[in-house]
Each structure stands twice: as structure tokens, then as C-alpha cells.
Amino acid sequence: MGTACKRRYRNKSGAILWIPFGLGLLFQSACATLGVAPRATESAVSEEKPAKPIIFQSEEYILYLLQGGDTPVSLAERFLGDPKRSWVIEEANEGTRFERHQMIVIPLKEENRGGLTPDGYQVVPILCYYGFAEDCKSPLCIPAGVFELQMRYLKDNGYRVISLGELLDFLQYRHSLPRRSVVITVDGGYGSAYDIAYPILERYGFTATLFIHTAFVGASKSAITWDQLREMKADGFEVGSQTLSYCDLTKRRAGEDDQAYMARIKRQLLVSKQIIDRKLEQDTIYLAFPYGSYDQRVLNICDQLGYRIGLSVERGGNPFFADPLALKRNQILKRDLESFITKVKTFHEFSLQ
């Protein structure tokens, strides 16, 4: 097998899998098509038949010769049945420019759904933002220029922003995720999520999940509107609940007995979900706990009402074995890139040997 056409496939755990030696003749044929083998005469070239794009196929992978117009997205839709799985092809062919007549590997079997390796396991950081402005006065606000710098860092360093829906599949051990996966969330329901964050996220091909307390939507000039939420949802953004009026779900009010307290908490969680369901025509299954506070009774009610993901503000990343109703989030409050980088770690070192 010629060196120029030798291929290796690096799986998600980092191990290198060499293509079996028995496929050497197939690769030699491909090399001739790619112009690696010497050509005797021009007439011989003209008589060559166009190479078939599928050089070899098994239950585990396809060796594919790129044709004009092929992209990871189109190939994922064709061979994996989902254009969003284009990252599987990109990560299997890291460094490939995806040019015509180039050989690639298309994995057909999903591997390592938990992101486990002998050295540790994958974790998914969830970033938590609040408000945005050109010139911030609140400590919960991130300047537009800083937010753009952070998004550019994610893009330039190979991070892939995933949805909470994709994260839920990972947590339920149904699908693997890109090695550098991160979730972006925006709390509070401020209009700056639409005016400032939305166009910046679109510029980098990212989306986010917005958490709203429904009594605030459209209530002032600083609040996001239902029409704006509908527009963002149509562009792939997700919307979750942050209760009706942003109250601490773990604290009783003065003079409130246990029965009244539990009834109020259930109403905060149920009615906000019902409003969002009706306004946005969806089944709302994501909840961000106000102040990040929850206890076991709150979690039990969330489960009964149909919430499937609950987000705190406890720092850290989330492995596949994390409790979906008590996930960690990293608040983005500081405005320097160095502290931001510490919050997007996607691997936890831990020897499994």
C-alpha cells in the first residue's frame, strides 16, 4: 500500500484503528484514481472509468471517495440518516479538507456513547449567561465585545455548541456527542438576549437555550417578547422555564404552612410550563432553578410535572451518568478570556485502569 494513500481512523477515545491490510488492493485502486500511481500514457488515462465513490463498505464503516459537492453534512444525511451527525464524519477524518477525489472514512456504528477512555471521561459544560450590553453596568451583564470574543474562541478551537435535547440523549446513553461539546444558556428573559446575543450566536452558527420567568415576558422595555422568542425558536433556539415569578423554590414565605408552600411551588412550576407550552406550541421539559436552588421535594415535583432537565448554578461539567434534573452550570460573570477558558473543559481525567 502506497504511503500517500495509507489511511488511519482515530476513534473518539483517541485510539488509532488502521484499515485492514486486506483492503490494500482497494486503496491501490483509489490511489490510481487520485493520481498517485504512475500513468503510462494520456490515452490510458482517457480510458479509465470514473471511480465509484464507495470503495469499500462493511457494517462498521465506509471508505468513500469524495465527489464534487460532497460535504460532511450531505454525507451524514445520506449515510447516517441525520445531517446533524456531520461531526461524526468530521472527527473521524480530522484534518481533512474534504476536497474532490479525497478518501475518507464514514463510521456507521456509533461508538463510546459515554465518552469513556482509559484516562477519564467526557464532560459537557453548560454556560450560563444573563444580560448583554454594549457598555455593562450590572455584574450580571457581559459586554457584547467580550461575548463575541468568547464565541470566537469556541469556534476557533473546535467546540461544538449542542442543544439541551442532544445533551439529554447523551445523559440517557442513547447517543454520543462531539468530543468538545458545550451548551449555552441565557437566563432571565431580558431583551438583550434577542438584540445582542442572538446576532452574535448566529454569526458563529451557534444556538442557545433561553430560560424565562413568564410573568416578565413583554412586561417592560428590557424584557424579551413572545414574538422574539418564536423567531429564535424557529432558528433552532430552545426555550425553558424559570418559573412564573423567579422565586426560590426551597424557601417558605412568612406564615406559610407546608401545604400552602407545596401548592405554591407546584403552581410556579406547572403554570409557567403551561404558558410556555401554549405560547410556543411545545412541550416544555427544561427548567432552570431560580437562584440555582433545589431540594429533593422540588425535584420530585419537577419529575411529576414532566420536566426532564433541571439546571443549577453549581460549577462543573456533566458526564453521561449525571442526574438530568440536577445538572451543573458555569456562570459566565468575569470578562477575561482566561477565566472563560477554565469553564469550557470537556474532559475529566480519572484513571479507569
Protein backbone atom coordinates (compact mmCIF):
# COMPACT_ATOMS: atom_id res chain seq x y z
CA MET A 1 0.00 0.00 0.00
CA GLY A 2 1.44 3.38 -1.03
CA THR A 3 2.26 5.78 1.76
CA ALA A 4 0.31 8.60 0.10
CA CYS A 5 -2.90 6.63 0.37
CA LYS A 6 -2.42 4.96 3.74
CA ARG A 7 -5.37 5.88 5.97
CA ARG A 8 -5.96 5.51 9.67
CA TYR A 9 -9.13 6.10 11.64
CA ARG A 10 -8.90 7.69 15.10
CA ASN A 11 -11.93 6.85 17.17
CA LYS A 12 -13.45 9.10 19.83
CA SER A 13 -11.37 7.60 22.60
CA GLY A 14 -8.21 8.63 20.75
CA ALA A 15 -7.19 5.09 19.71
CA ILE A 16 -5.86 4.71 16.17
CA LEU A 17 -7.52 1.99 14.09
CA TRP A 18 -5.61 1.06 10.93
CA ILE A 19 -7.63 -0.02 7.93
CA PRO A 20 -7.19 -3.82 7.50
CA PHE A 21 -4.31 -4.90 5.25
CA GLY A 22 -6.72 -6.92 3.12
CA LEU A 23 -8.13 -3.67 1.76
CA GLY A 24 -4.77 -2.77 0.23
CA LEU A 25 -5.89 -3.55 -3.32
CA LEU A 26 -8.89 -1.25 -2.89
CA PHE A 27 -6.65 1.58 -1.72
CA GLN A 28 -4.24 0.96 -4.59
CA SER A 29 -7.17 1.31 -6.97
CA ALA A 30 -8.16 4.51 -5.25
CA CYS A 31 -4.60 5.80 -5.44
CA ALA A 32 -4.65 5.35 -9.18
CA THR A 33 -7.78 7.46 -9.34
CA LEU A 34 -6.22 10.08 -7.11
CA GLY A 35 -3.18 10.37 -9.36
CA VAL A 36 -0.71 8.65 -7.05
CA ALA A 37 0.07 5.68 -9.30
CA PRO A 38 2.21 6.40 -12.40
CA ARG A 39 0.32 6.78 -15.68
CA ALA A 40 1.71 5.19 -18.83
CA THR A 41 0.11 7.35 -21.49
CA GLU A 42 -2.52 10.02 -21.91
CA SER A 43 -4.67 7.57 -23.87
CA ALA A 44 -4.65 5.18 -20.91
CA VAL A 45 -5.88 8.00 -18.70
CA SER A 46 -8.73 8.80 -21.03
CA GLU A 47 -9.86 5.16 -20.96
CA GLU A 48 -10.04 5.00 -17.15
CA LYS A 49 -13.55 4.57 -15.83
CA PRO A 50 -14.74 7.05 -13.23
CA ALA A 51 -14.06 5.67 -9.76
CA LYS A 52 -17.09 4.58 -7.77
CA PRO A 53 -17.50 6.77 -4.70
CA ILE A 54 -17.95 3.81 -2.33
CA ILE A 55 -14.60 2.00 -2.38
CA PHE A 56 -15.46 -0.42 0.41
CA GLN A 57 -18.36 -0.91 2.83
CA SER A 58 -18.82 -3.08 5.91
CA GLU A 59 -21.18 -2.99 8.85
CA GLU A 60 -18.75 -0.71 10.68
CA TYR A 61 -17.55 1.83 8.11
CA ILE A 62 -17.44 3.00 4.52
CA LEU A 63 -14.34 4.02 2.57
CA TYR A 64 -15.59 6.82 0.39
CA LEU A 65 -14.04 8.80 -2.45
CA LEU A 66 -15.32 12.37 -2.24
CA GLN A 67 -17.28 13.63 -5.23
CA GLY A 68 -17.98 17.18 -6.28
CA GLY A 69 -20.44 18.81 -3.91
CA ASP A 70 -19.95 16.28 -1.09
CA THR A 71 -19.85 17.82 2.38
CA PRO A 72 -19.88 16.29 5.87
CA VAL A 73 -23.48 17.46 6.22
CA SER A 74 -24.67 15.89 2.96
CA LEU A 75 -22.78 12.67 3.67
CA ALA A 76 -24.22 12.45 7.19
CA GLU A 77 -27.72 12.86 5.83
CA ARG A 78 -27.10 10.20 3.16
CA PHE A 79 -25.26 7.55 5.17
CA LEU A 80 -26.13 8.28 8.81
CA GLY A 81 -29.69 9.50 8.29
CA ASP A 82 -29.15 12.77 10.15
CA PRO A 83 -27.34 15.87 8.84
CA LYS A 84 -26.67 16.94 12.44
CA ARG A 85 -24.36 13.93 12.77
CA SER A 86 -21.88 15.52 10.36
CA TRP A 87 -19.48 15.86 13.30
CA VAL A 88 -19.07 12.05 13.30
CA ILE A 89 -17.56 12.21 9.82
CA GLU A 90 -15.50 15.32 10.59
CA GLU A 91 -13.98 13.85 13.74
CA ALA A 92 -13.21 10.53 12.00
CA ASN A 93 -11.29 12.46 9.33
CA GLU A 94 -9.67 15.15 11.45
CA GLY A 95 -7.52 17.50 9.35
CA THR A 96 -9.18 16.51 6.06
CA ARG A 97 -10.12 19.37 3.75
CA PHE A 98 -12.97 17.39 2.11
CA GLU A 99 -11.89 18.01 -1.47
CA ARG A 100 -12.98 16.09 -4.54
CA HIS A 101 -11.28 12.69 -5.07
CA GLN A 102 -10.07 12.54 -1.46
CA MET A 103 -10.51 9.31 0.51
CA ILE A 104 -12.42 9.47 3.80
CA VAL A 105 -13.81 7.07 6.38
CA ILE A 106 -17.52 7.16 7.26
CA PRO A 107 -18.16 5.31 10.56
CA LEU A 108 -21.50 3.52 10.54
CA LYS A 109 -21.57 2.22 14.11
CA GLU A 110 -21.88 4.60 17.00
CA GLU A 111 -19.04 4.14 19.47
CA ASN A 112 -18.40 5.14 23.05
CA ARG A 113 -21.73 6.75 23.90
CA GLY A 114 -20.49 7.66 27.36
CA GLY A 115 -17.27 9.31 26.21
CA LEU A 116 -15.18 6.93 28.34
CA THR A 117 -11.45 6.39 27.86
CA PRO A 118 -8.80 4.66 29.99
CA ASP A 119 -7.72 8.11 31.18
CA GLY A 120 -11.11 9.53 32.18
CA TYR A 121 -14.43 10.58 30.72
CA GLN A 122 -16.12 13.29 28.71
CA VAL A 123 -18.00 16.07 30.49
CA VAL A 124 -20.28 18.67 28.94
CA PRO A 125 -20.02 22.22 30.33
CA ILE A 126 -23.21 24.29 30.36
CA LEU A 127 -22.53 28.03 30.21
CA CYS A 128 -24.92 30.38 31.99
CA TYR A 129 -25.35 33.99 30.83
CA TYR A 130 -27.81 36.62 32.00
CA GLY A 131 -27.77 40.00 30.24
CA PHE A 132 -25.73 41.69 27.50
CA ALA A 133 -24.99 45.30 26.63
CA GLU A 134 -22.51 47.39 24.68
CA ASP A 135 -21.48 49.02 27.96
CA CYS A 136 -22.37 46.97 31.04
CA LYS A 137 -23.20 48.43 34.43
CA SER A 138 -24.52 45.28 36.14
CA PRO A 139 -22.17 42.50 37.34
CA LEU A 140 -24.55 40.02 35.67
CA CYS A 141 -24.05 41.70 32.29
CA ILE A 142 -21.48 40.67 29.67
CA PRO A 143 -20.31 43.31 27.16
CA ALA A 144 -21.11 42.48 23.55
CA GLY A 145 -17.44 42.59 22.57
CA VAL A 146 -16.48 40.13 25.30
CA PHE A 147 -19.30 37.76 24.35
CA GLU A 148 -18.17 37.85 20.72
CA LEU A 149 -14.60 37.09 21.78
CA GLN A 150 -15.81 34.10 23.79
CA MET A 151 -17.88 32.73 20.90
CA ARG A 152 -14.94 33.19 18.54
CA TYR A 153 -12.77 31.22 20.94
CA LEU A 154 -15.25 28.34 20.89
CA LYS A 155 -15.40 28.37 17.09
CA ASP A 156 -11.65 28.68 16.53
CA ASN A 157 -10.88 25.86 18.97
CA GLY A 158 -13.22 23.24 17.59
CA TYR A 159 -16.02 23.41 20.15
CA ARG A 160 -19.49 22.40 19.03
CA VAL A 161 -22.48 24.05 20.66
CA ILE A 162 -25.17 21.45 21.22
CA SER A 163 -28.77 21.71 22.38
CA LEU A 164 -30.13 20.51 25.69
CA GLY A 165 -32.07 17.94 23.66
CA GLU A 166 -28.81 16.48 22.38
CA LEU A 167 -27.37 16.57 25.89
CA LEU A 168 -30.39 14.66 27.18
CA ASP A 169 -29.76 11.88 24.63
CA PHE A 170 -26.17 11.68 25.94
CA LEU A 171 -27.33 11.56 29.57
CA GLN A 172 -29.75 8.75 28.69
CA TYR A 173 -26.92 6.88 26.94
CA ARG A 174 -28.69 6.99 23.57
CA HIS A 175 -26.14 8.96 21.53
CA SER A 176 -22.52 10.00 21.72
CA LEU A 177 -21.52 13.64 21.44
CA PRO A 178 -18.67 15.53 19.75
CA ARG A 179 -15.57 15.49 21.94
CA ARG A 180 -15.73 19.25 22.55
CA SER A 181 -19.42 19.75 23.22
CA VAL A 182 -20.77 22.73 25.13
CA VAL A 183 -24.27 24.06 25.89
CA ILE A 184 -25.08 27.78 26.04
CA THR A 185 -27.96 29.02 28.21
CA VAL A 186 -29.31 32.53 28.86
CA ASP A 187 -31.43 33.19 31.95
CA GLY A 188 -33.82 35.96 32.92
CA GLY A 189 -35.74 36.68 29.74
CA TYR A 190 -34.05 40.02 29.00
CA GLY A 191 -34.42 41.58 25.58
CA SER A 192 -30.64 41.75 25.21
CA ALA A 193 -30.69 38.01 24.50
CA TYR A 194 -32.51 38.90 21.28
CA ASP A 195 -30.89 42.25 20.50
CA ILE A 196 -27.24 41.41 21.24
CA ALA A 197 -26.60 37.70 21.86
CA TYR A 198 -28.81 36.36 19.06
CA PRO A 199 -26.98 38.00 16.11
CA ILE A 200 -23.57 37.11 17.57
CA LEU A 201 -24.57 33.48 18.06
CA GLU A 202 -25.95 33.33 14.52
CA ARG A 203 -22.68 34.71 13.16
CA TYR A 204 -20.86 31.67 14.53
CA GLY A 205 -23.58 29.13 13.74
CA PHE A 206 -24.47 28.63 17.41
CA THR A 207 -27.77 28.41 19.26
CA ALA A 208 -28.73 28.62 22.94
CA THR A 209 -31.47 27.71 25.39
CA LEU A 210 -33.37 30.66 26.87
CA PHE A 211 -34.90 30.40 30.34
CA ILE A 212 -37.77 32.75 31.13
CA HIS A 213 -39.98 33.53 34.09
CA THR A 214 -43.25 34.01 32.30
CA ALA A 215 -44.59 36.97 34.27
CA PHE A 216 -41.67 39.06 32.96
CA VAL A 217 -42.05 38.34 29.23
CA GLY A 218 -43.17 41.51 27.45
CA ALA A 219 -43.67 43.28 30.79
CA SER A 220 -41.16 46.09 30.17
CA LYS A 221 -38.85 47.54 27.52
CA SER A 222 -35.99 45.45 28.87
CA ALA A 223 -37.90 42.16 28.59
CA ILE A 224 -37.96 39.79 25.66
CA THR A 225 -41.29 39.33 23.87
CA TRP A 226 -43.16 36.22 22.82
CA ASP A 227 -42.73 37.14 19.14
CA GLN A 228 -38.97 37.37 19.63
CA LEU A 229 -38.96 34.00 21.37
CA ARG A 230 -40.92 32.48 18.49
CA GLU A 231 -38.44 33.86 15.99
CA MET A 232 -35.47 32.48 17.90
CA LYS A 233 -37.16 29.12 18.36
CA ALA A 234 -37.72 28.92 14.59
CA ASP A 235 -33.94 29.35 14.21
CA GLY A 236 -33.19 26.37 16.43
CA PHE A 237 -33.05 28.01 19.87
CA GLU A 238 -34.75 26.26 22.79
CA VAL A 239 -36.94 27.82 25.48
CA GLY A 240 -37.29 26.56 29.04
CA SER A 241 -38.99 27.68 32.23
CA GLN A 242 -37.59 29.62 35.15
CA THR A 243 -40.96 29.57 36.99
CA LEU A 244 -43.69 32.19 36.96
CA SER A 245 -42.05 34.90 39.03
CA TYR A 246 -38.48 33.80 39.75
CA CYS A 247 -38.87 32.72 43.36
CA ASP A 248 -36.61 30.50 45.43
CA LEU A 249 -38.35 27.13 45.30
CA THR A 250 -36.72 25.91 48.52
CA LYS A 251 -37.90 28.70 50.84
CA ARG A 252 -41.23 29.14 52.56
CA ARG A 253 -42.82 32.53 52.92
CA ALA A 254 -43.62 34.02 56.31
CA GLY A 255 -46.68 32.35 57.81
CA GLU A 256 -46.86 29.71 55.09
CA ASP A 257 -47.55 26.16 56.26
CA ASP A 258 -46.25 23.10 54.46
CA GLN A 259 -49.42 22.51 52.47
CA ALA A 260 -49.59 26.09 51.20
CA TYR A 261 -45.88 26.08 50.41
CA MET A 262 -46.08 22.91 48.34
CA ALA A 263 -49.14 24.20 46.47
CA ARG A 264 -47.35 27.44 45.61
CA ILE A 265 -44.23 25.65 44.39
CA LYS A 266 -46.27 23.31 42.22
CA ARG A 267 -48.13 26.28 40.72
CA GLN A 268 -44.86 28.10 39.96
CA LEU A 269 -43.60 25.06 38.08
CA LEU A 270 -46.82 23.92 36.43
CA VAL A 271 -48.40 27.17 35.28
CA SER A 272 -45.16 28.54 33.81
CA LYS A 273 -44.79 25.32 31.82
CA GLN A 274 -48.40 25.53 30.64
CA ILE A 275 -47.98 29.13 29.49
CA ILE A 276 -44.82 28.39 27.53
CA ASP A 277 -46.40 25.25 26.05
CA ARG A 278 -49.36 27.28 24.83
CA LYS A 279 -47.47 30.35 23.62
CA LEU A 280 -44.73 28.46 21.78
CA GLU A 281 -46.65 25.27 20.89
CA GLN A 282 -44.19 22.91 22.56
CA ASP A 283 -43.74 20.53 25.45
CA THR A 284 -41.51 22.40 27.88
CA ILE A 285 -39.18 19.93 29.59
CA TYR A 286 -36.26 22.18 30.65
CA LEU A 287 -36.13 24.12 33.91
CA ALA A 288 -33.52 26.47 35.36
CA PHE A 289 -33.93 26.70 39.14
CA PRO A 290 -34.18 30.33 40.32
CA TYR A 291 -31.01 31.16 42.25
CA GLY A 292 -29.88 27.64 41.35
CA SER A 293 -31.73 26.34 44.44
CA TYR A 294 -33.49 22.98 44.66
CA ASP A 295 -34.05 20.11 47.09
CA GLN A 296 -35.41 16.61 46.77
CA ARG A 297 -39.05 17.66 47.13
CA VAL A 298 -38.62 20.18 44.32
CA LEU A 299 -37.00 17.52 42.14
CA ASN A 300 -39.89 15.13 42.82
CA ILE A 301 -42.43 17.73 41.71
CA CYS A 302 -40.40 18.53 38.59
CA ASP A 303 -40.35 14.86 37.68
CA GLN A 304 -44.11 14.53 38.23
CA LEU A 305 -44.84 17.56 36.01
CA GLY A 306 -42.78 16.28 33.09
CA TYR A 307 -39.55 18.24 33.37
CA ARG A 308 -36.62 16.19 32.12
CA ILE A 309 -33.69 18.57 32.68
CA GLY A 310 -33.09 20.81 35.69
CA LEU A 311 -30.20 23.26 35.86
CA SER A 312 -28.45 24.61 38.94
CA VAL A 313 -25.54 27.06 39.09
CA GLU A 314 -23.18 24.63 40.78
CA ARG A 315 -19.88 24.78 38.90
CA GLY A 316 -18.58 21.91 36.81
CA GLY A 317 -19.21 19.76 33.76
CA ASN A 318 -21.71 16.96 33.27
CA PRO A 319 -20.76 13.33 32.48
CA PHE A 320 -23.23 10.90 30.95
CA PHE A 321 -24.03 9.48 34.40
CA ALA A 322 -25.10 12.86 35.87
CA ASP A 323 -28.65 13.31 37.20
CA PRO A 324 -30.53 15.13 34.38
CA LEU A 325 -32.68 17.01 36.91
CA ALA A 326 -29.67 18.35 38.85
CA LEU A 327 -27.12 19.40 36.25
CA LYS A 328 -24.24 21.78 36.86
CA ARG A 329 -23.73 25.12 35.11
CA ASN A 330 -20.86 27.55 34.91
CA GLN A 331 -21.94 31.16 35.34
CA ILE A 332 -20.06 33.50 33.00
CA LEU A 333 -19.55 36.63 35.09
CA LYS A 334 -15.91 37.59 34.65
CA ARG A 335 -14.92 39.41 31.49
CA ASP A 336 -11.48 38.00 30.74
CA LEU A 337 -10.85 35.18 28.29
CA GLU A 338 -8.61 33.27 30.69
CA SER A 339 -11.38 32.61 33.21
CA PHE A 340 -13.75 31.71 30.37
CA ILE A 341 -11.35 29.05 29.10
CA THR A 342 -11.32 27.36 32.52
CA LYS A 343 -15.10 26.93 32.27
CA VAL A 344 -15.17 25.03 28.97
CA LYS A 345 -13.18 21.94 29.90
CA THR A 346 -14.72 18.89 28.25
CA PHE A 347 -12.70 16.04 29.78
CA HIS A 348 -12.29 14.85 33.35
CA GLU A 349 -9.09 12.96 33.98
CA PHE A 350 -9.67 9.84 36.01
CA SER A 351 -7.81 6.57 35.59
CA LEU A 352 -10.16 3.72 34.76
CA GLN A 353 -7.39 1.15 34.61
